[in-house]
């Protein structure tokens, strides 16, 4: 990070040319004794990846909006969609014809929220799943080949924690989960309302709709909001290049 002059301050000032993307979690991370240094390294490593993956979503969103505007806002059945739009809808597990409803899914997760969940789910980078399988967010799978068996899993349970080839895949999978799973429908509807009202997408507001992410329900939501506030992650929601 020093070599390429990357810091949180440079990131907040939109100097994205200095972004550094790690493919896998640093092998010597757990050897760092200072908690403060570990937390700083965690933020510096995860934040640019969440930013880049969100930018990809915004590019897809802009492409949909541009095509829709060129069509004078008309509604076309899926059979008249261009190939790229059809593929994009399948990526988001969407089978309807309404582009407005598709756009509810094709949208960002605020940096403050994604970063807070990453910190909680990975124990600030100390979790076995992150260190062994680039699994930042503790997503489940029933595919043994692509998962890590939890040590505390009960005998009657069959799930694994999904592992990834790289950190970007892990973040992309998390964003898709938030944007497509029925458990987060309310979050997506609230995000849409904020968009329609011209308000900023703030993690502190959308966190209220994540009780289904954990068995701890609203206690989990409370933890997210406390972590977000304690570490002043809200400042990341003001990065101009994600406020489109």
Protein backbone atom coordinates (compact mmCIF):
# COMPACT_ATOMS: atom_id res chain seq x y z
CA UNK A 1 0.00 0.00 0.00
CA UNK A 2 2.89 2.34 0.71
CA UNK A 3 4.56 1.49 -2.60
CA UNK A 4 1.49 2.54 -4.61
CA UNK A 5 0.52 5.36 -2.25
CA UNK A 6 -2.87 3.90 -1.33
CA UNK A 7 -4.66 5.09 1.79
CA UNK A 8 -8.22 5.54 2.98
CA UNK A 9 -7.80 9.29 2.53
CA UNK A 10 -6.73 8.93 -1.10
CA UNK A 11 -9.69 6.63 -1.66
CA UNK A 12 -12.13 9.11 -0.15
CA UNK A 13 -10.69 11.80 -2.42
CA UNK A 14 -11.58 9.59 -5.41
CA UNK A 15 -8.00 8.90 -6.42
CA UNK A 16 -9.02 5.45 -7.64
CA UNK A 17 -5.93 5.14 -9.87
CA UNK A 18 -4.06 3.92 -6.80
CA UNK A 19 -6.50 1.09 -6.00
CA UNK A 20 -4.83 -2.21 -5.13
CA UNK A 21 -6.76 -5.44 -5.61
CA UNK A 22 -5.55 -8.54 -3.78
CA UNK A 23 -6.54 -11.88 -5.29
CA UNK A 24 -6.27 -13.80 -2.02
CA UNK A 25 -5.99 -13.07 1.67
CA UNK A 26 -2.44 -12.23 2.87
CA UNK A 27 -0.92 -15.43 4.25
CA UNK A 28 0.90 -13.62 7.06
CA UNK A 29 -2.12 -11.61 8.21
CA UNK A 30 -2.53 -13.55 11.46
CA UNK A 31 1.13 -12.91 12.35
CA UNK A 32 0.39 -9.20 12.79
CA UNK A 33 0.10 -8.67 16.54
CA UNK A 34 -1.22 -5.11 16.56
CA UNK A 35 -5.03 -5.08 16.42
CA UNK A 36 -4.97 -1.56 14.98
CA UNK A 37 -2.62 -2.58 12.16
CA UNK A 38 -4.74 -5.65 11.42
CA UNK A 39 -7.90 -3.55 11.20
CA UNK A 40 -6.22 -1.00 8.92
CA UNK A 41 -4.90 -3.76 6.65
CA UNK A 42 -8.34 -5.37 6.58
CA UNK A 43 -10.00 -2.12 5.49
CA UNK A 44 -7.29 -1.34 2.91
CA UNK A 45 -7.62 -4.83 1.41
CA UNK A 46 -11.41 -5.28 1.37
CA UNK A 47 -12.60 -1.74 0.63
CA UNK A 48 -11.18 -1.43 -2.93
CA UNK A 49 -12.64 -4.82 -3.89
CA UNK A 50 -16.14 -3.88 -2.70
CA UNK A 51 -15.77 -0.56 -4.53
CA UNK A 52 -14.76 -2.19 -7.83
CA UNK A 53 -17.52 -4.81 -7.71
CA UNK A 54 -20.09 -2.09 -6.96
CA UNK A 55 -18.78 -0.07 -9.90
CA UNK A 56 -19.44 -3.06 -12.17
CA UNK A 57 -23.03 -3.13 -10.95
CA UNK A 58 -23.43 0.60 -11.62
CA UNK A 59 -22.11 0.09 -15.16
CA UNK A 60 -24.72 -2.63 -15.75
CA UNK A 61 -27.38 -0.36 -14.26
CA UNK A 62 -26.39 2.53 -16.52
CA UNK A 63 -26.46 0.26 -19.57
CA UNK A 64 -30.02 -0.82 -18.76
CA UNK A 65 -31.14 2.79 -18.19
CA UNK A 66 -29.49 4.00 -21.41
CA UNK A 67 -31.18 1.28 -23.47
CA UNK A 68 -34.53 1.96 -21.81
CA UNK A 69 -34.22 5.71 -22.46
CA UNK A 70 -33.36 5.08 -26.12
CA UNK A 71 -36.55 3.02 -26.31
CA UNK A 72 -38.53 6.02 -25.01
CA UNK A 73 -39.38 4.16 -21.83
CA UNK A 74 -41.48 1.59 -23.65
CA UNK A 75 -41.92 -1.89 -22.21
CA UNK A 76 -40.78 -4.77 -24.37
CA UNK A 77 -41.33 -8.45 -23.70
CA UNK A 78 -38.17 -10.40 -23.08
CA UNK A 79 -38.17 -11.88 -26.59
CA UNK A 80 -37.37 -8.42 -27.96
CA UNK A 81 -34.56 -7.70 -25.54
CA UNK A 82 -30.97 -7.51 -26.82
CA UNK A 83 -28.83 -10.52 -25.92
CA UNK A 84 -26.75 -8.67 -23.31
CA UNK A 85 -29.88 -7.59 -21.43
CA UNK A 86 -31.30 -11.10 -21.44
CA UNK A 87 -28.00 -12.47 -20.07
CA UNK A 88 -27.90 -9.77 -17.41
CA UNK A 89 -31.42 -10.60 -16.25
CA UNK A 90 -30.48 -14.27 -15.94
CA UNK A 91 -27.42 -13.30 -13.89
CA UNK A 92 -29.80 -11.61 -11.44
CA UNK A 93 -32.24 -14.57 -11.43
CA UNK A 94 -34.89 -12.35 -13.00
CA UNK A 95 -37.54 -13.75 -15.37
CA UNK A 96 -40.05 -10.89 -15.73
CA UNK A 97 -40.24 -8.23 -18.45
CA UNK A 98 -40.34 -5.09 -16.32
CA UNK A 99 -37.06 -3.21 -16.53
CA UNK A 100 -38.09 -1.14 -13.53
CA UNK A 101 -38.25 -4.27 -11.39
CA UNK A 102 -34.95 -5.50 -12.81
CA UNK A 103 -33.31 -2.22 -11.77
CA UNK A 104 -34.44 -2.86 -8.19
CA UNK A 105 -32.00 -5.77 -8.23
CA UNK A 106 -29.20 -4.18 -10.25
CA UNK A 107 -27.94 -1.71 -7.68
CA UNK A 108 -25.11 -1.25 -5.21
CA UNK A 109 -24.75 -2.23 -1.58
CA UNK A 110 -23.34 0.81 0.31
CA UNK A 111 -19.65 0.49 1.14
CA UNK A 112 -20.27 1.07 4.83
CA UNK A 113 -22.71 -1.82 5.00
CA UNK A 114 -20.70 -4.32 2.97
CA UNK A 115 -17.51 -3.47 4.87
CA UNK A 116 -19.24 -3.81 8.24
CA UNK A 117 -20.64 -7.21 7.31
CA UNK A 118 -17.24 -8.28 6.00
CA UNK A 119 -15.65 -7.34 9.35
CA UNK A 120 -18.28 -9.20 11.37
CA UNK A 121 -18.45 -12.33 9.21
CA UNK A 122 -14.67 -12.70 8.94
CA UNK A 123 -13.74 -11.57 12.46
CA UNK A 124 -11.78 -8.66 10.95
CA UNK A 125 -9.88 -11.04 8.71
CA UNK A 126 -9.10 -13.74 11.28
CA UNK A 127 -11.67 -16.38 10.28
CA UNK A 128 -10.57 -19.80 9.08
CA UNK A 129 -12.92 -19.57 6.10
CA UNK A 130 -11.32 -16.36 4.85
CA UNK A 131 -7.78 -17.60 5.35
CA UNK A 132 -8.43 -21.03 3.80
CA UNK A 133 -10.98 -20.20 1.12
CA UNK A 134 -11.19 -16.44 0.49
CA UNK A 135 -14.67 -16.61 2.08
CA UNK A 136 -15.32 -13.15 3.46
CA UNK A 137 -19.05 -13.27 4.17
CA UNK A 138 -19.66 -16.79 5.45
CA UNK A 139 -22.07 -17.81 2.69
CA UNK A 140 -23.41 -21.35 2.84
CA UNK A 141 -23.34 -24.02 0.15
CA UNK A 142 -24.30 -27.70 -0.03
CA UNK A 143 -21.59 -28.42 -2.59
CA UNK A 144 -18.90 -30.34 -0.72
CA UNK A 145 -16.28 -29.75 -3.42
CA UNK A 146 -16.63 -26.00 -3.18
CA UNK A 147 -17.07 -25.66 0.55
CA UNK A 148 -15.28 -25.81 3.90
CA UNK A 149 -16.86 -27.93 6.61
CA UNK A 150 -17.50 -25.93 9.80
CA UNK A 151 -15.86 -27.53 12.84
CA UNK A 152 -18.92 -26.78 14.99
CA UNK A 153 -21.44 -28.18 12.48
CA UNK A 154 -23.95 -30.56 14.05
CA UNK A 155 -24.22 -34.16 12.84
CA UNK A 156 -27.58 -33.64 11.16
CA UNK A 157 -26.41 -30.56 9.27
CA UNK A 158 -25.11 -30.80 5.70
CA UNK A 159 -24.03 -27.26 4.83
CA UNK A 160 -20.52 -25.99 4.10
CA UNK A 161 -19.10 -22.49 3.95
CA UNK A 162 -18.57 -21.63 0.30
CA UNK A 163 -14.97 -21.07 -0.77
CA UNK A 164 -13.81 -18.89 -3.65
CA UNK A 165 -10.95 -18.74 -6.11
CA UNK A 166 -10.26 -15.13 -5.14
CA UNK A 167 -11.54 -12.30 -2.95
CA UNK A 168 -13.33 -10.53 -5.80
CA UNK A 169 -15.46 -13.63 -6.42
CA UNK A 170 -16.41 -13.67 -2.75
CA UNK A 171 -17.54 -10.03 -2.82
CA UNK A 172 -19.39 -10.51 -6.12
CA UNK A 173 -21.24 -13.51 -4.68
CA UNK A 174 -22.21 -11.53 -1.57
CA UNK A 175 -23.56 -8.63 -3.65
CA UNK A 176 -25.56 -11.02 -5.83
CA UNK A 177 -26.98 -12.66 -2.69
CA UNK A 178 -28.19 -9.29 -1.34
CA UNK A 179 -29.56 -8.34 -4.76
CA UNK A 180 -31.45 -11.55 -5.55
CA UNK A 181 -32.35 -13.56 -2.44
CA UNK A 182 -35.96 -13.24 -1.29
CA UNK A 183 -34.75 -12.70 2.30
CA UNK A 184 -33.54 -9.21 1.30
CA UNK A 185 -36.58 -8.08 -0.69
CA UNK A 186 -37.39 -5.39 1.89
CA UNK A 187 -33.84 -4.04 1.72
CA UNK A 188 -34.12 -3.75 -2.06
CA UNK A 189 -37.49 -2.01 -1.82
CA UNK A 190 -36.10 0.49 0.70
CA UNK A 191 -33.11 1.10 -1.57
CA UNK A 192 -35.51 1.77 -4.44
CA UNK A 193 -37.43 4.30 -2.32
CA UNK A 194 -34.19 6.11 -1.50
CA UNK A 195 -33.35 6.21 -5.22
CA UNK A 196 -36.83 7.47 -6.18
CA UNK A 197 -36.64 10.21 -3.52
CA UNK A 198 -33.20 11.31 -4.67
CA UNK A 199 -31.65 10.37 -1.33
CA UNK A 200 -28.19 8.89 -0.74
CA UNK A 201 -27.92 5.13 -0.34
CA UNK A 202 -26.72 4.89 3.24
CA UNK A 203 -25.64 1.69 4.95
CA UNK A 204 -27.05 2.89 8.25
CA UNK A 205 -30.56 2.90 6.72
CA UNK A 206 -30.34 -0.35 4.77
CA UNK A 207 -28.79 -2.27 7.68
CA UNK A 208 -32.24 -2.34 9.29
CA UNK A 209 -33.34 -4.93 6.71
CA UNK A 210 -30.60 -7.51 7.29
CA UNK A 211 -32.12 -9.44 10.19
CA UNK A 212 -32.41 -12.52 7.96
CA UNK A 213 -28.66 -12.64 7.33
CA UNK A 214 -28.01 -14.15 10.74
CA UNK A 215 -29.79 -16.35 13.25
CA UNK A 216 -29.29 -13.49 15.72
CA UNK A 217 -31.88 -11.41 13.85
CA UNK A 218 -32.07 -7.84 15.17
CA UNK A 219 -29.06 -8.34 17.45
CA UNK A 220 -27.06 -8.84 14.26
CA UNK A 221 -28.48 -5.61 12.82
CA UNK A 222 -27.55 -3.82 16.04
CA UNK A 223 -23.97 -5.16 15.81
CA UNK A 224 -23.64 -3.98 12.21
CA UNK A 225 -24.81 -0.47 13.03
CA UNK A 226 -22.59 -0.22 16.11
CA UNK A 227 -19.53 -1.39 14.19
CA UNK A 228 -20.34 1.02 11.36
CA UNK A 229 -20.59 3.93 13.77
CA UNK A 230 -17.63 3.01 15.99
CA UNK A 231 -15.32 2.81 12.95
CA UNK A 232 -16.90 5.77 11.11
CA UNK A 233 -17.58 3.64 8.03
CA UNK A 234 -20.42 6.00 7.03
CA UNK A 235 -17.83 8.26 5.40
CA UNK A 236 -17.38 5.67 2.64
CA UNK A 237 -20.97 6.16 1.45
CA UNK A 238 -20.00 9.65 0.27
CA UNK A 239 -17.48 8.47 -2.35
CA UNK A 240 -18.61 10.48 -5.37
CA UNK A 241 -18.03 7.82 -8.02
CA UNK A 242 -20.62 5.55 -6.37
CA UNK A 243 -23.24 8.27 -5.93
CA UNK A 244 -24.81 8.01 -9.40
